[in-house]
Amino acid sequence: MVGGLRGSIAVAMAWAIWWMVRRVPWPRPFRVSFVLTHVVAWLALAFAWCVATNALVALASVGTPYGLLYHLNEYLLLGAFIYVFVAGPTYAAAASARVSQSDAAVARAEAVATSTQLAALRAQLHPHFLFNALHTVVQLIPVEPEKAAEAAEMVAGLLRTSIGEQRDEVLLDDEWRFVSRYLAVEQIRFGERLRVRSEIPPDLLDERVPSFSLQTLVENAVQHGATPRVAPTEIVVSAASGTNALILAVRNTGDVNPSTNGAGSGTGLARLRERLAVLYDGAATLTTRPQADGGYEAVLVVPLSRVSRA
């Protein structure tokens, strides 16, 4: 019976320590008063433990009772051990919970910031592209009203698609369909002066690419390749797979001088580079370079989709 009472008092002391730890959180920055608080609590609990246990033993014993402070030094040592045994893991668990909550909060904040940044960059691409498409319609109105009406209908369809597209990545097949519609508008404007050739293997159409990425490269080629020239301009759009990477290239012929017309450094390409940095964290690249024939090439490299690597 006495042993059971001693055990009950020890359990009660452990619960008292746990309650104390919950009431006195770990300070930031660390303070000496924090240590003094726990030292006082340890002494008070050990003293109470010693008195309560000796009192119960005295009541249950026959003969000379124990003194209330009998073996106080042992209770102090054992109390210190129990105090550290309970307080240490409790504070560690609390710290771990704070870190987990903090990490979760940071992760949520980063996700929201990333989503917001991508949406803003996407929104900046839309006016850039639509301005050029509408410019095509405006140029056609005084000279070829029928073609202008046809182009206006196409631009309206492109507008609906661009506004409705909220994904950051799309299938290459969907991206190429959108680009083809855009090129159809531009071919109404340029006629035989704009020639387009596609070299996209069918087995790569299921790969994922950033939305409006290929369109940005093609638009850049049209504006800096076909627009300044009277002679025909050919734009070649190609796709290939590398080591865990999808490689998209857009080449345009013509005597393009990037130092004068800004090829490779326009607003669209700058926004696309920013999106790549956010989407792929350095795992995607966009490079532009002049060609031997006087034309220009833009090359986009993005990681292959998970489906392809599976």
C-alpha atoms as a PDB file:
ATOM      1  CA  MET A   1       0.000   0.000   0.000  1.00  0.00           C
ATOM      2  CA  VAL A   2       2.803   2.396   0.905  1.00  0.00           C
ATOM      3  CA  GLY A   3       4.592   1.634  -2.370  1.00  0.00           C
ATOM      4  CA  GLY A   4       1.425   2.415  -4.326  1.00  0.00           C
ATOM      5  CA  LEU A   5       1.041   5.715  -2.511  1.00  0.00           C
ATOM      6  CA  ARG A   6       4.639   6.649  -3.251  1.00  0.00           C
ATOM      7  CA  GLY A   7       4.092   5.855  -6.936  1.00  0.00           C
ATOM      8  CA  SER A   8       0.917   7.942  -7.038  1.00  0.00           C
ATOM      9  CA  ILE A   9       2.746  10.923  -5.521  1.00  0.00           C
ATOM     10  CA  ALA A  10       5.565  10.549  -8.053  1.00  0.00           C
ATOM     11  CA  VAL A  11       3.031  10.510 -10.929  1.00  0.00           C
ATOM     12  CA  ALA A  12       1.329  13.573  -9.476  1.00  0.00           C
ATOM     13  CA  MET A  13       4.701  15.331  -9.333  1.00  0.00           C
ATOM     14  CA  ALA A  14       5.353  14.475 -13.002  1.00  0.00           C
ATOM     15  CA  TRP A  15       1.974  15.926 -13.948  1.00  0.00           C
ATOM     16  CA  ALA A  16       2.788  19.057 -11.917  1.00  0.00           C
ATOM     17  CA  ILE A  17       6.075  19.454 -13.814  1.00  0.00           C
ATOM     18  CA  TRP A  18       4.303  19.039 -17.160  1.00  0.00           C
ATOM     19  CA  TRP A  19       1.758  21.691 -16.155  1.00  0.00           C
ATOM     20  CA  MET A  20       4.585  24.015 -15.088  1.00  0.00           C
ATOM     21  CA  VAL A  21       6.363  23.595 -18.393  1.00  0.00           C
ATOM     22  CA  ARG A  22       3.166  24.389 -20.285  1.00  0.00           C
ATOM     23  CA  ARG A  23       2.673  27.510 -18.201  1.00  0.00           C
ATOM     24  CA  VAL A  24       6.248  28.737 -18.658  1.00  0.00           C
ATOM     25  CA  PRO A  25       7.178  28.587 -22.376  1.00  0.00           C
ATOM     26  CA  TRP A  26      10.782  28.677 -23.527  1.00  0.00           C
ATOM     27  CA  PRO A  27      11.797  32.349 -23.734  1.00  0.00           C
ATOM     28  CA  ARG A  28      13.116  34.007 -26.873  1.00  0.00           C
ATOM     29  CA  PRO A  29      15.650  35.435 -26.136  1.00  0.00           C
ATOM     30  CA  PHE A  30      16.752  33.247 -23.262  1.00  0.00           C
ATOM     31  CA  ARG A  31      16.441  34.807 -19.801  1.00  0.00           C
ATOM     32  CA  VAL A  32      17.987  33.914 -16.408  1.00  0.00           C
ATOM     33  CA  SER A  33      14.599  34.358 -14.753  1.00  0.00           C
ATOM     34  CA  PHE A  34      13.409  31.345 -16.744  1.00  0.00           C
ATOM     35  CA  VAL A  35      16.033  29.130 -15.060  1.00  0.00           C
ATOM     36  CA  LEU A  36      15.309  30.577 -11.605  1.00  0.00           C
ATOM     37  CA  THR A  37      11.590  29.889 -12.056  1.00  0.00           C
ATOM     38  CA  HIS A  38      12.229  26.224 -12.766  1.00  0.00           C
ATOM     39  CA  VAL A  39      14.777  25.912  -9.946  1.00  0.00           C
ATOM     40  CA  VAL A  40      12.219  27.256  -7.476  1.00  0.00           C
ATOM     41  CA  ALA A  41       9.577  24.939  -8.920  1.00  0.00           C
ATOM     42  CA  TRP A  42      11.940  21.931  -8.639  1.00  0.00           C
ATOM     43  CA  LEU A  43      12.787  22.716  -4.988  1.00  0.00           C
ATOM     44  CA  ALA A  44       9.136  23.275  -4.069  1.00  0.00           C
ATOM     45  CA  LEU A  45       7.953  20.077  -5.752  1.00  0.00           C
ATOM     46  CA  ALA A  46      10.786  17.972  -4.304  1.00  0.00           C
ATOM     47  CA  PHE A  47      10.141  19.359  -0.830  1.00  0.00           C
ATOM     48  CA  ALA A  48       6.391  18.722  -1.133  1.00  0.00           C
ATOM     49  CA  TRP A  49       7.071  15.215  -2.450  1.00  0.00           C
ATOM     50  CA  CYS A  50       9.352  14.451   0.475  1.00  0.00           C
ATOM     51  CA  VAL A  51       6.907  15.773   3.097  1.00  0.00           C
ATOM     52  CA  ALA A  52       3.852  14.096   1.560  1.00  0.00           C
ATOM     53  CA  THR A  53       5.552  10.737   1.157  1.00  0.00           C
ATOM     54  CA  ASN A  54       7.007  10.705   4.698  1.00  0.00           C
ATOM     55  CA  ALA A  55       3.669  11.786   6.141  1.00  0.00           C
ATOM     56  CA  LEU A  56       1.835   8.937   4.398  1.00  0.00           C
ATOM     57  CA  VAL A  57       4.514   6.429   5.436  1.00  0.00           C
ATOM     58  CA  ALA A  58       4.290   7.659   9.029  1.00  0.00           C
ATOM     59  CA  LEU A  59       0.519   7.262   9.079  1.00  0.00           C
ATOM     60  CA  ALA A  60       0.721   3.761   7.661  1.00  0.00           C
ATOM     61  CA  SER A  61       3.639   2.577   9.820  1.00  0.00           C
ATOM     62  CA  VAL A  62       3.559   0.914  13.217  1.00  0.00           C
ATOM     63  CA  GLY A  63       6.069   2.207  15.715  1.00  0.00           C
ATOM     64  CA  THR A  64       8.321   5.267  15.494  1.00  0.00           C
ATOM     65  CA  PRO A  65       7.175   7.478  12.585  1.00  0.00           C
ATOM     66  CA  TYR A  66       9.584   8.966  10.042  1.00  0.00           C
ATOM     67  CA  GLY A  67      10.376  12.663  10.187  1.00  0.00           C
ATOM     68  CA  LEU A  68       8.742  14.764   7.479  1.00  0.00           C
ATOM     69  CA  LEU A  69      12.110  15.692   5.962  1.00  0.00           C
ATOM     70  CA  TYR A  70      13.523  12.163   6.117  1.00  0.00           C
ATOM     71  CA  HIS A  71      15.943  11.586   3.136  1.00  0.00           C
ATOM     72  CA  LEU A  72      15.267  15.079   1.773  1.00  0.00           C
ATOM     73  CA  ASN A  73      18.524  15.056  -0.180  1.00  0.00           C
ATOM     74  CA  GLU A  74      17.452  11.914  -2.028  1.00  0.00           C
ATOM     75  CA  TYR A  75      14.112  13.460  -2.928  1.00  0.00           C
ATOM     76  CA  LEU A  76      15.909  16.548  -4.217  1.00  0.00           C
ATOM     77  CA  LEU A  77      18.144  14.470  -6.481  1.00  0.00           C
ATOM     78  CA  LEU A  78      15.322  12.232  -7.666  1.00  0.00           C
ATOM     79  CA  GLY A  79      13.080  15.256  -8.121  1.00  0.00           C
ATOM     80  CA  ALA A  80      15.721  16.945 -10.261  1.00  0.00           C
ATOM     81  CA  PHE A  81      15.962  13.806 -12.417  1.00  0.00           C
ATOM     82  CA  ILE A  82      12.181  13.599 -12.890  1.00  0.00           C
ATOM     83  CA  TYR A  83      11.994  17.329 -13.568  1.00  0.00           C
ATOM     84  CA  VAL A  84      14.566  17.133 -16.357  1.00  0.00           C
ATOM     85  CA  PHE A  85      13.045  13.883 -17.659  1.00  0.00           C
ATOM     86  CA  VAL A  86       9.608  15.511 -18.036  1.00  0.00           C
ATOM     87  CA  ALA A  87      10.563  19.101 -18.882  1.00  0.00           C
ATOM     88  CA  GLY A  88      13.208  18.255 -21.511  1.00  0.00           C
ATOM     89  CA  PRO A  89      11.004  16.229 -23.903  1.00  0.00           C
ATOM     90  CA  THR A  90       8.064  18.571 -23.322  1.00  0.00           C
ATOM     91  CA  TYR A  91      10.052  21.634 -24.357  1.00  0.00           C
ATOM     92  CA  ALA A  92      11.566  19.702 -27.283  1.00  0.00           C
ATOM     93  CA  ALA A  93       8.119  18.656 -28.497  1.00  0.00           C
ATOM     94  CA  ALA A  94       6.871  22.238 -28.208  1.00  0.00           C
ATOM     95  CA  ALA A  95       9.864  23.517 -30.190  1.00  0.00           C
ATOM     96  CA  SER A  96       9.314  20.878 -32.885  1.00  0.00           C
ATOM     97  CA  ALA A  97       5.650  21.846 -33.145  1.00  0.00           C
ATOM     98  CA  ARG A  98       6.607  25.516 -33.535  1.00  0.00           C
ATOM     99  CA  VAL A  99       9.091  24.672 -36.279  1.00  0.00           C
ATOM    100  CA  SER A 100       6.532  22.510 -38.113  1.00  0.00           C
ATOM    101  CA  GLN A 101       3.912  25.227 -37.908  1.00  0.00           C
ATOM    102  CA  SER A 102       6.440  27.813 -39.026  1.00  0.00           C
ATOM    103  CA  ASP A 103       7.560  25.639 -41.965  1.00  0.00           C
ATOM    104  CA  ALA A 104       3.950  25.042 -42.956  1.00  0.00           C
ATOM    105  CA  ALA A 105       3.203  28.756 -42.775  1.00  0.00           C
ATOM    106  CA  VAL A 106       6.300  29.573 -44.833  1.00  0.00           C
ATOM    107  CA  ALA A 107       5.384  26.904 -47.385  1.00  0.00           C
ATOM    108  CA  ARG A 108       1.855  28.286 -47.685  1.00  0.00           C
ATOM    109  CA  ALA A 109       3.172  31.825 -48.009  1.00  0.00           C
ATOM    110  CA  GLU A 110       5.697  30.774 -50.668  1.00  0.00           C
ATOM    111  CA  ALA A 111       3.014  28.891 -52.601  1.00  0.00           C
ATOM    112  CA  VAL A 112       0.715  31.911 -52.551  1.00  0.00           C
ATOM    113  CA  ALA A 113       3.566  34.232 -53.558  1.00  0.00           C
ATOM    114  CA  THR A 114       4.622  31.913 -56.389  1.00  0.00           C
ATOM    115  CA  SER A 115       1.078  31.579 -57.680  1.00  0.00           C
ATOM    116  CA  THR A 116       0.582  35.336 -57.536  1.00  0.00           C
ATOM    117  CA  GLN A 117       3.868  36.012 -59.312  1.00  0.00           C
ATOM    118  CA  LEU A 118       3.098  33.524 -62.087  1.00  0.00           C
ATOM    119  CA  ALA A 119      -0.382  34.969 -62.557  1.00  0.00           C
ATOM    120  CA  ALA A 120       1.083  38.462 -62.838  1.00  0.00           C
ATOM    121  CA  LEU A 121       3.640  37.357 -65.418  1.00  0.00           C
ATOM    122  CA  ARG A 122       0.944  35.511 -67.363  1.00  0.00           C
ATOM    123  CA  ALA A 123      -1.218  38.636 -67.321  1.00  0.00           C
ATOM    124  CA  GLN A 124       1.678  40.683 -68.715  1.00  0.00           C
ATOM    125  CA  LEU A 125       2.131  38.233 -71.595  1.00  0.00           C
ATOM    126  CA  HIS A 126      -1.500  38.489 -72.716  1.00  0.00           C
ATOM    127  CA  PRO A 127      -1.546  42.233 -73.538  1.00  0.00           C
ATOM    128  CA  HIS A 128       1.842  41.920 -75.235  1.00  0.00           C
ATOM    129  CA  PHE A 129       0.613  39.207 -77.584  1.00  0.00           C
ATOM    130  CA  LEU A 130      -2.866  40.648 -78.108  1.00  0.00           C
ATOM    131  CA  PHE A 131      -1.486  44.078 -78.950  1.00  0.00           C
ATOM    132  CA  ASN A 132       0.500  42.602 -81.832  1.00  0.00           C
ATOM    133  CA  ALA A 133      -2.474  40.541 -83.041  1.00  0.00           C
ATOM    134  CA  LEU A 134      -4.816  43.540 -82.942  1.00  0.00           C
ATOM    135  CA  HIS A 135      -2.164  45.597 -84.720  1.00  0.00           C
ATOM    136  CA  THR A 136      -2.404  43.089 -87.567  1.00  0.00           C
ATOM    137  CA  VAL A 137      -6.176  43.617 -87.800  1.00  0.00           C
ATOM    138  CA  VAL A 138      -5.828  47.408 -87.751  1.00  0.00           C
ATOM    139  CA  GLN A 139      -3.285  47.316 -90.565  1.00  0.00           C
ATOM    140  CA  LEU A 140      -5.588  45.200 -92.729  1.00  0.00           C
ATOM    141  CA  ILE A 141      -8.756  47.297 -92.308  1.00  0.00           C
ATOM    142  CA  PRO A 142      -7.945  50.060 -94.848  1.00  0.00           C
ATOM    143  CA  VAL A 143      -6.398  47.767 -97.462  1.00  0.00           C
ATOM    144  CA  GLU A 144      -8.253  44.438 -97.146  1.00  0.00           C
ATOM    145  CA  PRO A 145     -11.435  44.768 -95.095  1.00  0.00           C
ATOM    146  CA  GLU A 146     -12.536  41.173 -95.714  1.00  0.00           C
ATOM    147  CA  LYS A 147      -9.256  39.769 -94.455  1.00  0.00           C
ATOM    148  CA  ALA A 148      -9.421  42.187 -91.532  1.00  0.00           C
ATOM    149  CA  ALA A 149     -12.825  40.769 -90.546  1.00  0.00           C
ATOM    150  CA  GLU A 150     -11.465  37.223 -90.820  1.00  0.00           C
ATOM    151  CA  ALA A 151      -8.449  38.141 -88.716  1.00  0.00           C
ATOM    152  CA  ALA A 152     -10.682  39.858 -86.131  1.00  0.00           C
ATOM    153  CA  GLU A 153     -12.662  36.646 -85.659  1.00  0.00           C
ATOM    154  CA  MET A 154      -9.421  34.712 -85.194  1.00  0.00           C
ATOM    155  CA  VAL A 155      -8.132  37.247 -82.695  1.00  0.00           C
ATOM    156  CA  ALA A 156     -11.395  36.987 -80.757  1.00  0.00           C
ATOM    157  CA  GLY A 157     -10.887  33.229 -80.514  1.00  0.00           C
ATOM    158  CA  LEU A 158      -7.311  33.724 -79.341  1.00  0.00           C
ATOM    159  CA  LEU A 159      -8.514  36.252 -76.791  1.00  0.00           C
ATOM    160  CA  ARG A 160     -11.036  33.794 -75.348  1.00  0.00           C
ATOM    161  CA  THR A 161      -8.372  31.107 -75.075  1.00  0.00           C
ATOM    162  CA  SER A 162      -5.748  33.359 -73.500  1.00  0.00           C
ATOM    163  CA  ILE A 163      -8.149  34.773 -70.911  1.00  0.00           C
ATOM    164  CA  GLY A 164      -9.555  31.349 -70.035  1.00  0.00           C
ATOM    165  CA  GLU A 165      -6.134  29.700 -69.731  1.00  0.00           C
ATOM    166  CA  GLN A 166      -5.170  29.693 -66.049  1.00  0.00           C
ATOM    167  CA  ARG A 167      -2.724  26.780 -66.096  1.00  0.00           C
ATOM    168  CA  ASP A 168       0.994  27.365 -65.728  1.00  0.00           C
ATOM    169  CA  GLU A 169       1.822  24.281 -67.799  1.00  0.00           C
ATOM    170  CA  VAL A 170      -0.017  22.826 -70.798  1.00  0.00           C
ATOM    171  CA  LEU A 171       0.531  19.978 -73.228  1.00  0.00           C
ATOM    172  CA  LEU A 172       2.808  20.836 -76.119  1.00  0.00           C
ATOM    173  CA  ASP A 173      -0.056  19.746 -78.362  1.00  0.00           C
ATOM    174  CA  ASP A 174      -2.360  22.434 -76.877  1.00  0.00           C
ATOM    175  CA  GLU A 175       0.381  25.055 -77.047  1.00  0.00           C
ATOM    176  CA  TRP A 176       1.135  24.284 -80.683  1.00  0.00           C
ATOM    177  CA  ARG A 177      -2.573  24.463 -81.608  1.00  0.00           C
ATOM    178  CA  PHE A 178      -2.744  27.927 -80.047  1.00  0.00           C
ATOM    179  CA  VAL A 179       0.444  29.015 -81.845  1.00  0.00           C
ATOM    180  CA  SER A 180      -0.923  27.714 -85.146  1.00  0.00           C
ATOM    181  CA  ARG A 181      -4.017  29.902 -84.748  1.00  0.00           C
ATOM    182  CA  TYR A 182      -1.809  32.897 -83.975  1.00  0.00           C
ATOM    183  CA  LEU A 183       0.314  32.200 -87.053  1.00  0.00           C
ATOM    184  CA  ALA A 184      -2.835  31.965 -89.143  1.00  0.00           C
ATOM    185  CA  VAL A 185      -3.615  35.556 -88.142  1.00  0.00           C
ATOM    186  CA  GLU A 186      -0.115  36.708 -89.002  1.00  0.00           C
ATOM    187  CA  GLN A 187      -0.171  34.890 -92.353  1.00  0.00           C
ATOM    188  CA  ILE A 188      -3.271  36.869 -93.299  1.00  0.00           C
ATOM    189  CA  ARG A 189      -1.167  39.971 -92.696  1.00  0.00           C
ATOM    190  CA  PHE A 190       2.071  38.882 -94.358  1.00  0.00           C
ATOM    191  CA  GLY A 191       0.757  36.495 -97.010  1.00  0.00           C
ATOM    192  CA  GLU A 192       3.581  34.804 -98.908  1.00  0.00           C
ATOM    193  CA  ARG A 193       6.149  36.804 -96.948  1.00  0.00           C
ATOM    194  CA  LEU A 194       5.682  34.479 -93.950  1.00  0.00           C
ATOM    195  CA  ARG A 195       6.373  30.774 -94.245  1.00  0.00           C
ATOM    196  CA  VAL A 196       6.099  28.370 -91.330  1.00  0.00           C
ATOM    197  CA  ARG A 197       7.557  24.884 -91.024  1.00  0.00           C
ATOM    198  CA  SER A 198       6.916  22.543 -88.104  1.00  0.00           C
ATOM    199  CA  GLU A 199       9.357  19.854 -86.976  1.00  0.00           C
ATOM    200  CA  ILE A 200       7.584  18.559 -83.875  1.00  0.00           C
ATOM    201  CA  PRO A 201       7.627  14.756 -83.461  1.00  0.00           C
ATOM    202  CA  PRO A 202       4.168  13.397 -82.558  1.00  0.00           C
ATOM    203  CA  ASP A 203       5.547  11.479 -79.577  1.00  0.00           C
ATOM    204  CA  LEU A 204       6.517  14.773 -77.880  1.00  0.00           C
ATOM    205  CA  LEU A 205       3.088  16.380 -78.095  1.00  0.00           C
ATOM    206  CA  ASP A 206       2.139  14.929 -74.704  1.00  0.00           C
ATOM    207  CA  GLU A 207       5.025  16.719 -72.989  1.00  0.00           C
ATOM    208  CA  ARG A 208       4.234  19.671 -70.738  1.00  0.00           C
ATOM    209  CA  VAL A 209       5.519  23.170 -71.431  1.00  0.00           C
ATOM    210  CA  PRO A 210       4.859  26.548 -69.807  1.00  0.00           C
ATOM    211  CA  SER A 211       1.661  28.046 -71.178  1.00  0.00           C
ATOM    212  CA  PHE A 212       2.281  30.668 -73.896  1.00  0.00           C
ATOM    213  CA  SER A 213       5.994  29.796 -73.963  1.00  0.00           C
ATOM    214  CA  LEU A 214       6.191  28.573 -77.557  1.00  0.00           C
ATOM    215  CA  GLN A 215       3.801  31.340 -78.591  1.00  0.00           C
ATOM    216  CA  THR A 216       6.194  33.903 -77.082  1.00  0.00           C
ATOM    217  CA  LEU A 217       9.130  32.510 -79.068  1.00  0.00           C
ATOM    218  CA  VAL A 218       7.141  32.445 -82.315  1.00  0.00           C
ATOM    219  CA  GLU A 219       5.760  35.939 -81.750  1.00  0.00           C
ATOM    220  CA  ASN A 220       9.300  37.195 -81.189  1.00  0.00           C
ATOM    221  CA  ALA A 221      10.409  35.569 -84.445  1.00  0.00           C
ATOM    222  CA  VAL A 222       7.521  37.162 -86.361  1.00  0.00           C
ATOM    223  CA  GLN A 223       8.023  40.639 -84.937  1.00  0.00           C
ATOM    224  CA  HIS A 224      11.807  40.716 -85.249  1.00  0.00           C
ATOM    225  CA  GLY A 225      12.110  38.513 -88.331  1.00  0.00           C
ATOM    226  CA  ALA A 226       9.187  38.975 -90.694  1.00  0.00           C
ATOM    227  CA  THR A 227       8.042  42.495 -89.794  1.00  0.00           C
ATOM    228  CA  PRO A 228      11.242  44.377 -90.793  1.00  0.00           C
ATOM    229  CA  ARG A 229      11.696  42.439 -94.055  1.00  0.00           C
ATOM    230  CA  VAL A 230      10.169  42.656 -97.508  1.00  0.00           C
ATOM    231  CA  ALA A 231      11.634  39.338 -98.618  1.00  0.00           C
ATOM    232  CA  PRO A 232       9.979  36.095 -97.455  1.00  0.00           C
ATOM    233  CA  THR A 233      10.790  34.948 -93.942  1.00  0.00           C
ATOM    234  CA  GLU A 234      10.699  31.316 -92.914  1.00  0.00           C
ATOM    235  CA  ILE A 235      10.024  30.351 -89.298  1.00  0.00           C
ATOM    236  CA  VAL A 236      10.939  26.830 -88.252  1.00  0.00           C
ATOM    237  CA  VAL A 237       9.476  25.443 -85.045  1.00  0.00           C
ATOM    238  CA  SER A 238      11.116  22.261 -83.796  1.00  0.00           C
ATOM    239  CA  ALA A 239      11.032  20.010 -80.740  1.00  0.00           C
ATOM    240  CA  ALA A 240      13.448  17.341 -79.554  1.00  0.00           C
ATOM    241  CA  SER A 241      14.113  15.370 -76.414  1.00  0.00           C
ATOM    242  CA  GLY A 242      17.433  15.459 -74.609  1.00  0.00           C
ATOM    243  CA  THR A 243      18.615  13.996 -71.314  1.00  0.00           C
ATOM    244  CA  ASN A 244      15.521  14.457 -69.143  1.00  0.00           C
ATOM    245  CA  ALA A 245      14.766  17.624 -71.093  1.00  0.00           C
ATOM    246  CA  LEU A 246      12.450  18.888 -73.796  1.00  0.00           C
ATOM    247  CA  ILE A 247      14.123  21.227 -76.272  1.00  0.00           C
ATOM    248  CA  LEU A 248      12.008  23.696 -78.226  1.00  0.00           C
ATOM    249  CA  ALA A 249      13.641  25.831 -80.896  1.00  0.00           C
ATOM    250  CA  VAL A 250      12.255  28.619 -83.067  1.00  0.00           C
ATOM    251  CA  ARG A 251      14.446  29.796 -85.954  1.00  0.00           C
ATOM    252  CA  ASN A 252      13.710  32.577 -88.381  1.00  0.00           C
ATOM    253  CA  THR A 253      15.568  33.526 -91.534  1.00  0.00           C
ATOM    254  CA  GLY A 254      16.431  37.068 -92.476  1.00  0.00           C
ATOM    255  CA  ASP A 255      19.075  39.700 -91.901  1.00  0.00           C
ATOM    256  CA  VAL A 256      18.174  40.284 -88.256  1.00  0.00           C
ATOM    257  CA  ASN A 257      20.408  42.577 -86.244  1.00  0.00           C
ATOM    258  CA  PRO A 258      19.627  42.064 -82.545  1.00  0.00           C
ATOM    259  CA  SER A 259      21.517  45.197 -81.567  1.00  0.00           C
ATOM    260  CA  THR A 260      19.079  47.381 -83.504  1.00  0.00           C
ATOM    261  CA  ASN A 261      15.718  45.624 -83.333  1.00  0.00           C
ATOM    262  CA  GLY A 262      16.000  44.057 -79.914  1.00  0.00           C
ATOM    263  CA  ALA A 263      15.616  40.424 -80.955  1.00  0.00           C
ATOM    264  CA  GLY A 264      16.147  38.151 -78.027  1.00  0.00           C
ATOM    265  CA  SER A 265      15.687  40.869 -75.447  1.00  0.00           C
ATOM    266  CA  GLY A 266      12.043  41.909 -75.858  1.00  0.00           C
ATOM    267  CA  THR A 267       9.403  42.155 -73.182  1.00  0.00           C
ATOM    268  CA  GLY A 268       7.913  38.763 -74.015  1.00  0.00           C
ATOM    269  CA  LEU A 269      11.205  36.914 -73.676  1.00  0.00           C
ATOM    270  CA  ALA A 270      12.062  38.753 -70.456  1.00  0.00           C
ATOM    271  CA  ARG A 271       8.725  37.756 -68.902  1.00  0.00           C
ATOM    272  CA  LEU A 272       9.175  34.188 -70.096  1.00  0.00           C
ATOM    273  CA  ARG A 273      12.588  33.989 -68.428  1.00  0.00           C
ATOM    274  CA  GLU A 274      11.059  35.209 -65.170  1.00  0.00           C
ATOM    275  CA  ARG A 275       8.342  32.552 -65.387  1.00  0.00           C
ATOM    276  CA  LEU A 276      10.895  29.824 -66.048  1.00  0.00           C
ATOM    277  CA  ALA A 277      12.842  30.855 -62.950  1.00  0.00           C
ATOM    278  CA  VAL A 278       9.710  30.616 -60.811  1.00  0.00           C
ATOM    279  CA  LEU A 279       8.336  27.429 -62.356  1.00  0.00           C
ATOM    280  CA  TYR A 280      11.507  25.352 -62.559  1.00  0.00           C
ATOM    281  CA  ASP A 281      13.902  26.962 -60.079  1.00  0.00           C
ATOM    282  CA  GLY A 282      16.855  27.068 -62.448  1.00  0.00           C
ATOM    283  CA  ALA A 283      16.123  23.745 -64.196  1.00  0.00           C
ATOM    284  CA  ALA A 284      14.950  25.476 -67.417  1.00  0.00           C
ATOM    285  CA  THR A 285      16.813  27.806 -69.757  1.00  0.00           C
ATOM    286  CA  LEU A 286      16.040  30.187 -72.601  1.00  0.00           C
ATOM    287  CA  THR A 287      18.828  31.241 -74.938  1.00  0.00           C
ATOM    288  CA  THR A 288      18.873  33.292 -78.130  1.00  0.00           C
ATOM    289  CA  ARG A 289      21.608  33.395 -80.735  1.00  0.00           C
ATOM    290  CA  PRO A 290      22.213  34.685 -84.282  1.00  0.00           C
ATOM    291  CA  GLN A 291      22.464  32.183 -87.122  1.00  0.00           C
ATOM    292  CA  ALA A 292      25.045  31.904 -89.865  1.00  0.00           C
ATOM    293  CA  ASP A 293      22.470  32.878 -92.514  1.00  0.00           C
ATOM    294  CA  GLY A 294      21.699  36.113 -90.701  1.00  0.00           C
ATOM    295  CA  GLY A 295      18.600  34.832 -88.962  1.00  0.00           C
ATOM    296  CA  TYR A 296      17.989  34.183 -85.294  1.00  0.00           C
ATOM    297  CA  GLU A 297      17.173  31.246 -83.065  1.00  0.00           C
ATOM    298  CA  ALA A 298      15.569  30.996 -79.634  1.00  0.00           C
ATOM    299  CA  VAL A 299      15.965  27.748 -77.713  1.00  0.00           C
ATOM    300  CA  LEU A 300      13.851  26.791 -74.708  1.00  0.00           C
ATOM    301  CA  VAL A 301      14.881  23.822 -72.546  1.00  0.00           C
ATOM    302  CA  VAL A 302      12.492  22.529 -69.874  1.00  0.00           C
ATOM    303  CA  PRO A 303      12.485  19.306 -67.832  1.00  0.00           C
ATOM    304  CA  LEU A 304      10.593  16.401 -69.335  1.00  0.00           C
ATOM    305  CA  SER A 305       7.245  15.781 -67.695  1.00  0.00           C
ATOM    306  CA  ARG A 306       6.930  13.108 -64.996  1.00  0.00           C
ATOM    307  CA  VAL A 307       4.741  10.994 -67.255  1.00  0.00           C
ATOM    308  CA  SER A 308       7.513  10.701 -69.802  1.00  0.00           C
ATOM    309  CA  ARG A 309      10.139   9.822 -67.221  1.00  0.00           C
ATOM    310  CA  ALA A 310       7.933   7.134 -65.632  1.00  0.00           C
END
